[in-house]
Amino acid sequence: MDQRETAKYVLEKAIKAIEVRGKEHGDASQSFRLIGQLWGVYLDHSIEHHSGTDLHILPHHVAVMMSLVKIARAVYGYSFDHYVDEAGYAALACMLNPTTTHTEEK
């Protein structure tokens, strides 16, 4: 498999993972919203010198941070799934970010 085929394969697997995990775990937006709320509460209570403002972790932030988890894991050990999951989280981050715009190139 050449490099382009490998990249395409990773993206195809990421698309499939998003579909399968969506069926297993429910709507990504709803799930990531809850994860963000839980992380926010944890961080609010864990950070000793918080700025005093409410911490809001939005669903697209969760997707980005989950991608960072995969990046960190890839530093310490190879797993093909790290790359597939990272591509999936990047796609979800784009989908969930309210400021994302998309225009088709012609």
PDB file of N, CA and C in Angstrom:
ATOM      1  N   MET A   1       0.853  -1.172   0.000  1.00  0.00           N
ATOM      2  CA  MET A   1       0.000   0.000   0.000  1.00  0.00           C
ATOM      3  C   MET A   1       0.905   1.242   0.000  1.00  0.00           C
ATOM      4  N   ASP A   2       0.693   2.165  -0.956  1.00  0.00           N
ATOM      5  CA  ASP A   2       1.524   3.362  -0.985  1.00  0.00           C
ATOM      6  C   ASP A   2       1.019   4.388   0.036  1.00  0.00           C
ATOM      7  N   GLN A   3       1.734   5.490   0.168  1.00  0.00           N
ATOM      8  CA  GLN A   3       1.425   6.478   1.208  1.00  0.00           C
ATOM      9  C   GLN A   3       0.020   7.068   1.060  1.00  0.00           C
ATOM     10  N   ARG A   4      -0.385   7.383  -0.163  1.00  0.00           N
ATOM     11  CA  ARG A   4      -1.722   7.958  -0.371  1.00  0.00           C
ATOM     12  C   ARG A   4      -2.808   6.940  -0.038  1.00  0.00           C
ATOM     13  N   GLU A   5      -2.575   5.703  -0.408  1.00  0.00           N
ATOM     14  CA  GLU A   5      -3.541   4.651  -0.084  1.00  0.00           C
ATOM     15  C   GLU A   5      -3.643   4.458   1.422  1.00  0.00           C
ATOM     16  N   THR A   6      -2.524   4.542   2.119  1.00  0.00           N
ATOM     17  CA  THR A   6      -2.531   4.431   3.577  1.00  0.00           C
ATOM     18  C   THR A   6      -3.335   5.567   4.199  1.00  0.00           C
ATOM     19  N   ALA A   7      -3.092   6.804   3.738  1.00  0.00           N
ATOM     20  CA  ALA A   7      -3.827   7.952   4.261  1.00  0.00           C
ATOM     21  C   ALA A   7      -5.326   7.796   4.001  1.00  0.00           C
ATOM     22  N   LYS A   8      -5.684   7.378   2.800  1.00  0.00           N
ATOM     23  CA  LYS A   8      -7.100   7.170   2.460  1.00  0.00           C
ATOM     24  C   LYS A   8      -7.704   6.078   3.343  1.00  0.00           C
ATOM     25  N   TYR A   9      -6.957   5.023   3.579  1.00  0.00           N
ATOM     26  CA  TYR A   9      -7.433   3.929   4.422  1.00  0.00           C
ATOM     27  C   TYR A   9      -7.700   4.407   5.854  1.00  0.00           C
ATOM     28  N   VAL A  10      -6.800   5.231   6.393  1.00  0.00           N
ATOM     29  CA  VAL A  10      -6.990   5.788   7.743  1.00  0.00           C
ATOM     30  C   VAL A  10      -8.284   6.595   7.795  1.00  0.00           C
ATOM     31  N   LEU A  11      -8.502   7.438   6.798  1.00  0.00           N
ATOM     32  CA  LEU A  11      -9.711   8.272   6.781  1.00  0.00           C
ATOM     33  C   LEU A  11     -10.977   7.431   6.614  1.00  0.00           C
ATOM     34  N   GLU A  12     -10.913   6.411   5.777  1.00  0.00           N
ATOM     35  CA  GLU A  12     -12.071   5.521   5.613  1.00  0.00           C
ATOM     36  C   GLU A  12     -12.398   4.801   6.923  1.00  0.00           C
ATOM     37  N   LYS A  13     -11.358   4.345   7.615  1.00  0.00           N
ATOM     38  CA  LYS A  13     -11.565   3.693   8.915  1.00  0.00           C
ATOM     39  C   LYS A  13     -12.135   4.680   9.927  1.00  0.00           C
ATOM     40  N   ALA A  14     -11.688   5.936   9.886  1.00  0.00           N
ATOM     41  CA  ALA A  14     -12.200   6.958  10.803  1.00  0.00           C
ATOM     42  C   ALA A  14     -13.679   7.215  10.546  1.00  0.00           C
ATOM     43  N   ILE A  15     -14.078   7.279   9.284  1.00  0.00           N
ATOM     44  CA  ILE A  15     -15.494   7.464   8.938  1.00  0.00           C
ATOM     45  C   ILE A  15     -16.308   6.304   9.496  1.00  0.00           C
ATOM     46  N   LYS A  16     -15.835   5.108   9.301  1.00  0.00           N
ATOM     47  CA  LYS A  16     -16.533   3.916   9.808  1.00  0.00           C
ATOM     48  C   LYS A  16     -16.610   3.952  11.340  1.00  0.00           C
ATOM     49  N   ALA A  17     -15.510   4.355  11.990  1.00  0.00           N
ATOM     50  CA  ALA A  17     -15.491   4.421  13.458  1.00  0.00           C
ATOM     51  C   ALA A  17     -16.514   5.440  13.963  1.00  0.00           C
ATOM     52  N   ILE A  18     -16.627   6.583  13.293  1.00  0.00           N
ATOM     53  CA  ILE A  18     -17.610   7.589  13.696  1.00  0.00           C
ATOM     54  C   ILE A  18     -19.017   7.010  13.594  1.00  0.00           C
ATOM     55  N   GLU A  19     -19.295   6.287  12.518  1.00  0.00           N
ATOM     56  CA  GLU A  19     -20.618   5.686  12.334  1.00  0.00           C
ATOM     57  C   GLU A  19     -20.907   4.623  13.401  1.00  0.00           C
ATOM     58  N   VAL A  20     -19.957   3.714  13.601  1.00  0.00           N
ATOM     59  CA  VAL A  20     -20.152   2.613  14.553  1.00  0.00           C
ATOM     60  C   VAL A  20     -20.260   3.136  15.981  1.00  0.00           C
ATOM     61  N   ARG A  21     -19.335   4.021  16.361  1.00  0.00           N
ATOM     62  CA  ARG A  21     -19.340   4.530  17.728  1.00  0.00           C
ATOM     63  C   ARG A  21     -20.540   5.428  17.985  1.00  0.00           C
ATOM     64  N   GLY A  22     -21.044   6.073  16.946  1.00  0.00           N
ATOM     65  CA  GLY A  22     -22.268   6.851  17.092  1.00  0.00           C
ATOM     66  C   GLY A  22     -23.447   5.962  17.467  1.00  0.00           C
ATOM     67  N   LYS A  23     -23.482   4.778  16.863  1.00  0.00           N
ATOM     68  CA  LYS A  23     -24.537   3.817  17.195  1.00  0.00           C
ATOM     69  C   LYS A  23     -24.344   3.248  18.600  1.00  0.00           C
ATOM     70  N   GLU A  24     -23.088   3.012  18.982  1.00  0.00           N
ATOM     71  CA  GLU A  24     -22.787   2.442  20.292  1.00  0.00           C
ATOM     72  C   GLU A  24     -22.961   3.446  21.427  1.00  0.00           C
ATOM     73  N   HIS A  25     -22.481   4.680  21.211  1.00  0.00           N
ATOM     74  CA  HIS A  25     -22.398   5.659  22.298  1.00  0.00           C
ATOM     75  C   HIS A  25     -23.373   6.817  22.169  1.00  0.00           C
ATOM     76  N   GLY A  26     -24.140   6.862  21.097  1.00  0.00           N
ATOM     77  CA  GLY A  26     -25.106   7.939  20.912  1.00  0.00           C
ATOM     78  C   GLY A  26     -24.502   9.151  20.209  1.00  0.00           C
ATOM     79  N   ASP A  27     -25.289  10.198  20.162  1.00  0.00           N
ATOM     80  CA  ASP A  27     -24.925  11.427  19.470  1.00  0.00           C
ATOM     81  C   ASP A  27     -23.648  12.036  20.043  1.00  0.00           C
ATOM     82  N   ALA A  28     -22.670  12.315  19.173  1.00  0.00           N
ATOM     83  CA  ALA A  28     -21.385  12.858  19.624  1.00  0.00           C
ATOM     84  C   ALA A  28     -21.556  14.212  20.296  1.00  0.00           C
ATOM     85  N   SER A  29     -22.415  15.048  19.761  1.00  0.00           N
ATOM     86  CA  SER A  29     -22.616  16.373  20.344  1.00  0.00           C
ATOM     87  C   SER A  29     -23.116  16.271  21.783  1.00  0.00           C
ATOM     88  N   GLN A  30     -24.098  15.437  22.004  1.00  0.00           N
ATOM     89  CA  GLN A  30     -24.651  15.254  23.349  1.00  0.00           C
ATOM     90  C   GLN A  30     -23.616  14.636  24.286  1.00  0.00           C
ATOM     91  N   SER A  31     -22.926  13.607  23.819  1.00  0.00           N
ATOM     92  CA  SER A  31     -21.923  12.933  24.635  1.00  0.00           C
ATOM     93  C   SER A  31     -20.772  13.869  24.978  1.00  0.00           C
ATOM     94  N   PHE A  32     -20.271  14.596  23.983  1.00  0.00           N
ATOM     95  CA  PHE A  32     -19.149  15.500  24.216  1.00  0.00           C
ATOM     96  C   PHE A  32     -19.564  16.691  25.074  1.00  0.00           C
ATOM     97  N   ARG A  33     -20.826  17.103  24.980  1.00  0.00           N
ATOM     98  CA  ARG A  33     -21.314  18.175  25.855  1.00  0.00           C
ATOM     99  C   ARG A  33     -21.244  17.714  27.311  1.00  0.00           C
ATOM    100  N   LEU A  34     -21.707  16.492  27.585  1.00  0.00           N
ATOM    101  CA  LEU A  34     -21.653  15.959  28.944  1.00  0.00           C
ATOM    102  C   LEU A  34     -20.209  15.795  29.410  1.00  0.00           C
ATOM    103  N   ILE A  35     -19.346  15.249  28.554  1.00  0.00           N
ATOM    104  CA  ILE A  35     -17.939  15.091  28.919  1.00  0.00           C
ATOM    105  C   ILE A  35     -17.340  16.448  29.260  1.00  0.00           C
ATOM    106  N   GLY A  36     -17.631  17.451  28.433  1.00  0.00           N
ATOM    107  CA  GLY A  36     -17.129  18.802  28.691  1.00  0.00           C
ATOM    108  C   GLY A  36     -17.612  19.352  30.019  1.00  0.00           C
ATOM    109  N   GLN A  37     -18.883  19.117  30.331  1.00  0.00           N
ATOM    110  CA  GLN A  37     -19.423  19.576  31.620  1.00  0.00           C
ATOM    111  C   GLN A  37     -18.738  18.873  32.782  1.00  0.00           C
ATOM    112  N   LEU A  38     -18.537  17.575  32.652  1.00  0.00           N
ATOM    113  CA  LEU A  38     -17.863  16.821  33.716  1.00  0.00           C
ATOM    114  C   LEU A  38     -16.417  17.264  33.872  1.00  0.00           C
ATOM    115  N   TRP A  39     -15.718  17.457  32.760  1.00  0.00           N
ATOM    116  CA  TRP A  39     -14.342  17.942  32.830  1.00  0.00           C
ATOM    117  C   TRP A  39     -14.298  19.330  33.451  1.00  0.00           C
ATOM    118  N   GLY A  40     -15.273  20.176  33.084  1.00  0.00           N
ATOM    119  CA  GLY A  40     -15.321  21.535  33.630  1.00  0.00           C
ATOM    120  C   GLY A  40     -15.491  21.538  35.135  1.00  0.00           C
ATOM    121  N   VAL A  41     -16.401  20.707  35.632  1.00  0.00           N
ATOM    122  CA  VAL A  41     -16.612  20.612  37.078  1.00  0.00           C
ATOM    123  C   VAL A  41     -15.345  20.114  37.758  1.00  0.00           C
ATOM    124  N   TYR A  42     -14.755  19.071  37.173  1.00  0.00           N
ATOM    125  CA  TYR A  42     -13.523  18.530  37.738  1.00  0.00           C
ATOM    126  C   TYR A  42     -12.432  19.595  37.785  1.00  0.00           C
ATOM    127  N   LEU A  43     -12.230  20.285  36.673  1.00  0.00           N
ATOM    128  CA  LEU A  43     -11.188  21.302  36.612  1.00  0.00           C
ATOM    129  C   LEU A  43     -11.478  22.473  37.540  1.00  0.00           C
ATOM    130  N   ASP A  44     -12.756  22.875  37.613  1.00  0.00           N
ATOM    131  CA  ASP A  44     -13.130  23.962  38.524  1.00  0.00           C
ATOM    132  C   ASP A  44     -12.733  23.638  39.967  1.00  0.00           C
ATOM    133  N   HIS A  45     -12.923  22.385  40.342  1.00  0.00           N
ATOM    134  CA  HIS A  45     -12.644  21.989  41.718  1.00  0.00           C
ATOM    135  C   HIS A  45     -11.188  21.590  41.933  1.00  0.00           C
ATOM    136  N   SER A  46     -10.481  21.310  40.861  1.00  0.00           N
ATOM    137  CA  SER A  46      -9.119  20.812  40.987  1.00  0.00           C
ATOM    138  C   SER A  46      -8.051  21.890  40.871  1.00  0.00           C
ATOM    139  N   ILE A  47      -8.350  22.942  40.170  1.00  0.00           N
ATOM    140  CA  ILE A  47      -7.357  24.001  39.976  1.00  0.00           C
ATOM    141  C   ILE A  47      -7.429  24.962  41.161  1.00  0.00           C
ATOM    142  N   GLU A  48      -6.338  25.055  41.892  1.00  0.00           N
ATOM    143  CA  GLU A  48      -6.327  25.825  43.141  1.00  0.00           C
ATOM    144  C   GLU A  48      -6.598  27.305  42.920  1.00  0.00           C
ATOM    145  N   HIS A  49      -6.003  27.893  41.947  1.00  0.00           N
ATOM    146  CA  HIS A  49      -6.135  29.331  41.726  1.00  0.00           C
ATOM    147  C   HIS A  49      -6.883  29.588  40.420  1.00  0.00           C
ATOM    148  N   HIS A  50      -8.151  29.342  40.439  1.00  0.00           N
ATOM    149  CA  HIS A  50      -8.977  29.538  39.252  1.00  0.00           C
ATOM    150  C   HIS A  50      -9.309  31.020  39.112  1.00  0.00           C
ATOM    151  N   SER A  51      -9.476  31.465  37.914  1.00  0.00           N
ATOM    152  CA  SER A  51      -9.671  32.901  37.650  1.00  0.00           C
ATOM    153  C   SER A  51     -10.993  33.441  38.171  1.00  0.00           C
ATOM    154  N   GLY A  52     -11.883  32.599  38.635  1.00  0.00           N
ATOM    155  CA  GLY A  52     -13.158  33.063  39.161  1.00  0.00           C
ATOM    156  C   GLY A  52     -14.275  33.043  38.137  1.00  0.00           C
ATOM    157  N   THR A  53     -13.959  32.793  36.895  1.00  0.00           N
ATOM    158  CA  THR A  53     -14.999  32.696  35.880  1.00  0.00           C
ATOM    159  C   THR A  53     -15.373  31.242  35.680  1.00  0.00           C
ATOM    160  N   ASP A  54     -16.561  31.031  35.188  1.00  0.00           N
ATOM    161  CA  ASP A  54     -17.001  29.666  34.902  1.00  0.00           C
ATOM    162  C   ASP A  54     -16.206  29.106  33.730  1.00  0.00           C
ATOM    163  N   LEU A  55     -15.863  27.867  33.842  1.00  0.00           N
ATOM    164  CA  LEU A  55     -15.117  27.182  32.800  1.00  0.00           C
ATOM    165  C   LEU A  55     -16.108  26.406  31.948  1.00  0.00           C
ATOM    166  N   HIS A  56     -16.155  26.697  30.681  1.00  0.00           N
ATOM    167  CA  HIS A  56     -17.071  25.997  29.774  1.00  0.00           C
ATOM    168  C   HIS A  56     -16.267  25.273  28.714  1.00  0.00           C
ATOM    169  N   ILE A  57     -16.306  23.954  28.749  1.00  0.00           N
ATOM    170  CA  ILE A  57     -15.657  23.134  27.739  1.00  0.00           C
ATOM    171  C   ILE A  57     -16.754  22.668  26.795  1.00  0.00           C
ATOM    172  N   LEU A  58     -16.691  23.135  25.573  1.00  0.00           N
ATOM    173  CA  LEU A  58     -17.716  22.842  24.580  1.00  0.00           C
ATOM    174  C   LEU A  58     -17.425  21.534  23.862  1.00  0.00           C
ATOM    175  N   PRO A  59     -18.437  20.945  23.200  1.00  0.00           N
ATOM    176  CA  PRO A  59     -18.228  19.658  22.535  1.00  0.00           C
ATOM    177  C   PRO A  59     -17.036  19.621  21.590  1.00  0.00           C
ATOM    178  N   HIS A  60     -16.800  20.681  20.828  1.00  0.00           N
ATOM    179  CA  HIS A  60     -15.655  20.642  19.910  1.00  0.00           C
ATOM    180  C   HIS A  60     -14.332  20.691  20.667  1.00  0.00           C
ATOM    181  N   HIS A  61     -14.315  21.298  21.859  1.00  0.00           N
ATOM    182  CA  HIS A  61     -13.102  21.268  22.685  1.00  0.00           C
ATOM    183  C   HIS A  61     -12.807  19.826  23.128  1.00  0.00           C
ATOM    184  N   VAL A  62     -13.863  19.093  23.471  1.00  0.00           N
ATOM    185  CA  VAL A  62     -13.695  17.696  23.880  1.00  0.00           C
ATOM    186  C   VAL A  62     -13.078  16.895  22.738  1.00  0.00           C
ATOM    187  N   ALA A  63     -13.584  17.087  21.530  1.00  0.00           N
ATOM    188  CA  ALA A  63     -13.050  16.352  20.386  1.00  0.00           C
ATOM    189  C   ALA A  63     -11.571  16.671  20.172  1.00  0.00           C
ATOM    190  N   VAL A  64     -11.204  17.950  20.293  1.00  0.00           N
ATOM    191  CA  VAL A  64      -9.800  18.342  20.141  1.00  0.00           C
ATOM    192  C   VAL A  64      -8.949  17.695  21.235  1.00  0.00           C
ATOM    193  N   MET A  65      -9.431  17.735  22.475  1.00  0.00           N
ATOM    194  CA  MET A  65      -8.645  17.163  23.576  1.00  0.00           C
ATOM    195  C   MET A  65      -8.551  15.646  23.480  1.00  0.00           C
ATOM    196  N   MET A  66      -9.594  14.991  22.967  1.00  0.00           N
ATOM    197  CA  MET A  66      -9.507  13.549  22.762  1.00  0.00           C
ATOM    198  C   MET A  66      -8.468  13.238  21.683  1.00  0.00           C
ATOM    199  N   SER A  67      -8.392  14.102  20.665  1.00  0.00           N
ATOM    200  CA  SER A  67      -7.341  13.953  19.659  1.00  0.00           C
ATOM    201  C   SER A  67      -5.966  14.065  20.306  1.00  0.00           C
ATOM    202  N   LEU A  68      -5.828  14.996  21.248  1.00  0.00           N
ATOM    203  CA  LEU A  68      -4.553  15.144  21.965  1.00  0.00           C
ATOM    204  C   LEU A  68      -4.211  13.899  22.774  1.00  0.00           C
ATOM    205  N   VAL A  69      -5.236  13.227  23.310  1.00  0.00           N
ATOM    206  CA  VAL A  69      -5.002  11.959  24.018  1.00  0.00           C
ATOM    207  C   VAL A  69      -4.368  10.958  23.055  1.00  0.00           C
ATOM    208  N   LYS A  70      -4.909  10.891  21.848  1.00  0.00           N
ATOM    209  CA  LYS A  70      -4.375   9.951  20.857  1.00  0.00           C
ATOM    210  C   LYS A  70      -2.953  10.328  20.455  1.00  0.00           C
ATOM    211  N   ILE A  71      -2.687  11.631  20.331  1.00  0.00           N
ATOM    212  CA  ILE A  71      -1.335  12.080  20.005  1.00  0.00           C
ATOM    213  C   ILE A  71      -0.369  11.674  21.113  1.00  0.00           C
ATOM    214  N   ALA A  72      -0.774  11.877  22.360  1.00  0.00           N
ATOM    215  CA  ALA A  72       0.088  11.506  23.485  1.00  0.00           C
ATOM    216  C   ALA A  72       0.344  10.006  23.506  1.00  0.00           C
ATOM    217  N   ARG A  73      -0.667   9.211  23.253  1.00  0.00           N
ATOM    218  CA  ARG A  73      -0.483   7.761  23.245  1.00  0.00           C
ATOM    219  C   ARG A  73       0.455   7.331  22.125  1.00  0.00           C
ATOM    220  N   ALA A  74       0.375   8.015  20.977  1.00  0.00           N
ATOM    221  CA  ALA A  74       1.236   7.667  19.848  1.00  0.00           C
ATOM    222  C   ALA A  74       2.703   7.951  20.142  1.00  0.00           C
ATOM    223  N   VAL A  75       2.972   8.880  21.045  1.00  0.00           N
ATOM    224  CA  VAL A  75       4.358   9.189  21.417  1.00  0.00           C
ATOM    225  C   VAL A  75       5.005   7.980  22.086  1.00  0.00           C
ATOM    226  N   TYR A  76       4.232   7.253  22.868  1.00  0.00           N
ATOM    227  CA  TYR A  76       4.790   6.172  23.679  1.00  0.00           C
ATOM    228  C   TYR A  76       4.576   4.775  23.120  1.00  0.00           C
ATOM    229  N   GLY A  77       3.830   4.673  22.050  1.00  0.00           N
ATOM    230  CA  GLY A  77       3.645   3.357  21.464  1.00  0.00           C
ATOM    231  C   GLY A  77       2.808   3.433  20.203  1.00  0.00           C
ATOM    232  N   TYR A  78       3.147   2.618  19.238  1.00  0.00           N
ATOM    233  CA  TYR A  78       2.437   2.621  17.966  1.00  0.00           C
ATOM    234  C   TYR A  78       1.166   1.806  18.060  1.00  0.00           C
ATOM    235  N   SER A  79       0.099   2.369  17.556  1.00  0.00           N
ATOM    236  CA  SER A  79      -1.130   1.635  17.304  1.00  0.00           C
ATOM    237  C   SER A  79      -1.810   2.303  16.124  1.00  0.00           C
ATOM    238  N   PHE A  80      -2.143   1.539  15.134  1.00  0.00           N
ATOM    239  CA  PHE A  80      -2.842   2.069  13.973  1.00  0.00           C
ATOM    240  C   PHE A  80      -4.102   2.810  14.406  1.00  0.00           C
ATOM    241  N   ASP A  81      -4.766   2.305  15.435  1.00  0.00           N
ATOM    242  CA  ASP A  81      -6.007   2.921  15.917  1.00  0.00           C
ATOM    243  C   ASP A  81      -5.809   4.350  16.406  1.00  0.00           C
ATOM    244  N   HIS A  82      -4.624   4.687  16.898  1.00  0.00           N
ATOM    245  CA  HIS A  82      -4.379   6.065  17.331  1.00  0.00           C
ATOM    246  C   HIS A  82      -4.606   7.025  16.166  1.00  0.00           C
ATOM    247  N   TYR A  83      -4.113   6.661  14.992  1.00  0.00           N
ATOM    248  CA  TYR A  83      -4.236   7.523  13.822  1.00  0.00           C
ATOM    249  C   TYR A  83      -5.672   7.566  13.314  1.00  0.00           C
ATOM    250  N   VAL A  84      -6.339   6.425  13.318  1.00  0.00           N
ATOM    251  CA  VAL A  84      -7.744   6.378  12.903  1.00  0.00           C
ATOM    252  C   VAL A  84      -8.591   7.226  13.844  1.00  0.00           C
ATOM    253  N   ASP A  85      -8.413   7.020  15.146  1.00  0.00           N
ATOM    254  CA  ASP A  85      -9.203   7.771  16.122  1.00  0.00           C
ATOM    255  C   ASP A  85      -8.902   9.259  16.057  1.00  0.00           C
ATOM    256  N   GLU A  86      -7.634   9.604  15.886  1.00  0.00           N
ATOM    257  CA  GLU A  86      -7.263  11.017  15.798  1.00  0.00           C
ATOM    258  C   GLU A  86      -7.937  11.681  14.595  1.00  0.00           C
ATOM    259  N   ALA A  87      -7.961  10.995  13.459  1.00  0.00           N
ATOM    260  CA  ALA A  87      -8.635  11.530  12.275  1.00  0.00           C
ATOM    261  C   ALA A  87     -10.131  11.687  12.543  1.00  0.00           C
ATOM    262  N   GLY A  88     -10.710  10.714  13.223  1.00  0.00           N
ATOM    263  CA  GLY A  88     -12.137  10.802  13.564  1.00  0.00           C
ATOM    264  C   GLY A  88     -12.430  11.953  14.494  1.00  0.00           C
ATOM    265  N   TYR A  89     -11.598  12.145  15.518  1.00  0.00           N
ATOM    266  CA  TYR A  89     -11.804  13.258  16.448  1.00  0.00           C
ATOM    267  C   TYR A  89     -11.638  14.605  15.749  1.00  0.00           C
ATOM    268  N   ALA A  90     -10.693  14.693  14.807  1.00  0.00           N
ATOM    269  CA  ALA A  90     -10.523  15.936  14.052  1.00  0.00           C
ATOM    270  C   ALA A  90     -11.784  16.237  13.243  1.00  0.00           C
ATOM    271  N   ALA A  91     -12.349  15.220  12.619  1.00  0.00           N
ATOM    272  CA  ALA A  91     -13.582  15.411  11.853  1.00  0.00           C
ATOM    273  C   ALA A  91     -14.732  15.825  12.766  1.00  0.00           C
ATOM    274  N   LEU A  92     -14.835  15.201  13.921  1.00  0.00           N
ATOM    275  CA  LEU A  92     -15.892  15.559  14.867  1.00  0.00           C
ATOM    276  C   LEU A  92     -15.699  16.975  15.402  1.00  0.00           C
ATOM    277  N   ALA A  93     -14.459  17.372  15.658  1.00  0.00           N
ATOM    278  CA  ALA A  93     -14.187  18.731  16.130  1.00  0.00           C
ATOM    279  C   ALA A  93     -14.666  19.752  15.108  1.00  0.00           C
ATOM    280  N   CYS A  94     -14.397  19.503  13.854  1.00  0.00           N
ATOM    281  CA  CYS A  94     -14.845  20.397  12.789  1.00  0.00           C
ATOM    282  C   CYS A  94     -16.368  20.420  12.730  1.00  0.00           C
ATOM    283  N   MET A  95     -16.995  19.252  12.811  1.00  0.00           N
ATOM    284  CA  MET A  95     -18.443  19.151  12.744  1.00  0.00           C
ATOM    285  C   MET A  95     -19.114  19.874  13.917  1.00  0.00           C
ATOM    286  N   LEU A  96     -18.536  19.766  15.104  1.00  0.00           N
ATOM    287  CA  LEU A  96     -19.154  20.294  16.315  1.00  0.00           C
ATOM    288  C   LEU A  96     -18.823  21.758  16.595  1.00  0.00           C
ATOM    289  N   ASN A  97     -17.828  22.303  15.919  1.00  0.00           N
ATOM    290  CA  ASN A  97     -17.430  23.687  16.165  1.00  0.00           C
ATOM    291  C   ASN A  97     -18.443  24.622  15.513  1.00  0.00           C
ATOM    292  N   PRO A  98     -19.107  25.457  16.321  1.00  0.00           N
ATOM    293  CA  PRO A  98     -20.141  26.327  15.759  1.00  0.00           C
ATOM    294  C   PRO A  98     -19.608  27.389  14.797  1.00  0.00           C
ATOM    295  N   THR A  99     -18.313  27.626  14.799  1.00  0.00           N
ATOM    296  CA  THR A  99     -17.751  28.649  13.910  1.00  0.00           C
ATOM    297  C   THR A  99     -17.191  28.060  12.609  1.00  0.00           C
ATOM    298  N   THR A 100     -17.304  26.746  12.461  1.00  0.00           N
ATOM    299  CA  THR A 100     -16.797  26.105  11.249  1.00  0.00           C
ATOM    300  C   THR A 100     -17.660  26.500  10.048  1.00  0.00           C
ATOM    301  N   THR A 101     -16.995  26.883   8.984  1.00  0.00           N
ATOM    302  CA  THR A 101     -17.693  27.122   7.722  1.00  0.00           C
ATOM    303  C   THR A 101     -17.122  26.172   6.706  1.00  0.00           C
ATOM    304  N   HIS A 102     -17.929  25.829   5.736  1.00  0.00           N
ATOM    305  CA  HIS A 102     -17.501  24.850   4.738  1.00  0.00           C
ATOM    306  C   HIS A 102     -17.965  25.339   3.369  1.00  0.00           C
ATOM    307  N   THR A 103     -17.046  25.444   2.474  1.00  0.00           N
ATOM    308  CA  THR A 103     -17.400  25.769   1.090  1.00  0.00           C
ATOM    309  C   THR A 103     -16.755  24.748   0.178  1.00  0.00           C
ATOM    310  N   GLU A 104     -17.492  24.322  -0.778  1.00  0.00           N
ATOM    311  CA  GLU A 104     -16.984  23.341  -1.738  1.00  0.00           C
ATOM    312  C   GLU A 104     -16.106  24.049  -2.753  1.00  0.00           C
ATOM    313  N   GLU A 105     -14.954  23.474  -3.041  1.00  0.00           N
ATOM    314  CA  GLU A 105     -14.116  23.989  -4.115  1.00  0.00           C
ATOM    315  C   GLU A 105     -14.622  23.411  -5.431  1.00  0.00           C
ATOM    316  N   LYS A 106     -14.662  24.248  -6.436  1.00  0.00           N
ATOM    317  CA  LYS A 106     -15.152  23.780  -7.744  1.00  0.00           C
ATOM    318  C   LYS A 106     -14.057  23.851  -8.754  1.00  0.00           C
TER     319      LYS A 106
END
